[in-house]
Amino acid sequence: MAETNAVAPVGETMSLESILERLKGVVENLEKGDLPLEESLKIFEEGVKLTREGQRRLDAAEKRIETLLSTEPGVGEPAVQPFAPRNL
């Protein structure tokens, strides 16, 4: 994959995997610390947009999963348990 400092549009056409890959590139570019201030700000802004879009998609996926795992309406409590990450 060719490295680029160009700001890519964030939208529905990007997969979550593409968003994460681009975020990785954003972080790498910013960590180098050799960009002019204006370019750094543009890349940082893109990173914020990517992060928000990625979080929006994860939230939507979580809601879909909760809906799929819940019991039928009126037949007891939902079967969904709060997510508790495992220590690896």
Protein backbone atom coordinates (compact mmCIF):
# COMPACT_ATOMS: atom_id res chain seq x y z
CA MET A 1 0.00 0.00 0.00
CA ALA A 2 1.44 3.35 -1.00
CA GLU A 3 1.77 5.90 1.78
CA THR A 4 -0.16 9.07 1.24
CA ASN A 5 -0.78 12.21 3.22
CA ALA A 6 -3.88 13.05 1.19
CA VAL A 7 -7.08 13.44 3.15
CA ALA A 8 -9.58 10.83 2.02
CA PRO A 9 -13.34 11.39 2.27
CA VAL A 10 -15.02 9.57 5.14
CA GLY A 11 -18.33 8.04 4.24
CA GLU A 12 -20.53 5.04 3.84
CA THR A 13 -18.41 3.70 0.99
CA MET A 14 -15.48 2.90 3.29
CA SER A 15 -15.60 -0.42 5.11
CA LEU A 16 -14.81 -0.53 8.81
CA GLU A 17 -11.60 -2.33 7.92
CA SER A 18 -10.67 0.49 5.52
CA ILE A 19 -11.41 3.06 8.20
CA LEU A 20 -9.13 1.26 10.67
CA GLU A 21 -6.37 0.94 8.07
CA ARG A 22 -6.58 4.64 7.21
CA LEU A 23 -6.56 5.54 10.92
CA LYS A 24 -3.35 3.53 11.28
CA GLY A 25 -1.84 5.61 8.46
CA VAL A 26 -3.03 8.84 10.09
CA VAL A 27 -1.35 7.91 13.37
CA GLU A 28 1.87 6.91 11.62
CA ASN A 29 1.97 10.20 9.70
CA LEU A 30 1.35 12.26 12.82
CA GLU A 31 3.87 10.32 14.90
CA LYS A 32 6.65 11.15 12.45
CA GLY A 33 6.30 14.79 13.44
CA ASP A 34 7.77 16.10 10.18
CA LEU A 35 4.60 17.56 8.66
CA PRO A 36 3.83 21.27 8.51
CA LEU A 37 1.26 22.43 11.06
CA GLU A 38 -1.58 22.94 8.56
CA GLU A 39 -1.10 19.48 7.04
CA SER A 40 -0.91 17.94 10.51
CA LEU A 41 -4.19 19.63 11.43
CA LYS A 42 -5.89 18.36 8.26
CA ILE A 43 -4.69 14.82 8.92
CA PHE A 44 -5.72 15.05 12.58
CA GLU A 45 -9.17 16.27 11.51
CA GLU A 46 -9.47 13.30 9.17
CA GLY A 47 -8.50 11.01 12.06
CA VAL A 48 -11.24 12.48 14.25
CA LYS A 49 -13.81 11.99 11.47
CA LEU A 50 -12.63 8.42 10.89
CA THR A 51 -12.80 7.67 14.60
CA ARG A 52 -16.34 9.03 14.88
CA GLU A 53 -17.53 7.10 11.81
CA GLY A 54 -15.90 3.91 13.06
CA GLN A 55 -17.51 4.32 16.48
CA ARG A 56 -20.89 5.03 14.88
CA ARG A 57 -20.65 1.80 12.92
CA LEU A 58 -19.59 -0.22 15.95
CA ASP A 59 -22.49 1.23 17.95
CA ALA A 60 -24.91 0.31 15.15
CA ALA A 61 -23.50 -3.24 15.00
CA GLU A 62 -23.84 -3.57 18.78
CA LYS A 63 -27.50 -2.51 18.59
CA ARG A 64 -28.15 -5.04 15.82
CA ILE A 65 -26.56 -7.80 17.90
CA GLU A 66 -28.58 -6.81 20.98
CA THR A 67 -31.76 -6.94 18.90
CA LEU A 68 -30.87 -10.36 17.54
CA LEU A 69 -30.06 -11.74 20.99
CA SER A 70 -33.06 -10.28 22.82
CA THR A 71 -36.06 -12.45 23.60
CA GLU A 72 -39.45 -12.00 22.01
CA PRO A 73 -41.32 -8.92 23.26
CA GLY A 74 -43.37 -9.64 26.37
CA VAL A 75 -41.67 -12.97 27.13
CA GLY A 76 -39.32 -12.02 29.91
CA GLU A 77 -36.17 -10.00 30.08
CA PRO A 78 -33.81 -9.57 27.15
CA ALA A 79 -31.06 -12.15 26.98
CA VAL A 80 -28.48 -9.44 26.30
CA GLN A 81 -25.76 -9.04 28.90
CA PRO A 82 -23.48 -6.00 29.09
CA PHE A 83 -20.23 -6.52 27.25
CA ALA A 84 -17.33 -7.33 29.55
CA PRO A 85 -14.01 -7.68 27.73
CA ARG A 86 -11.82 -10.60 28.70
CA ASN A 87 -8.30 -10.03 29.93
CA LEU A 88 -6.04 -11.64 27.39
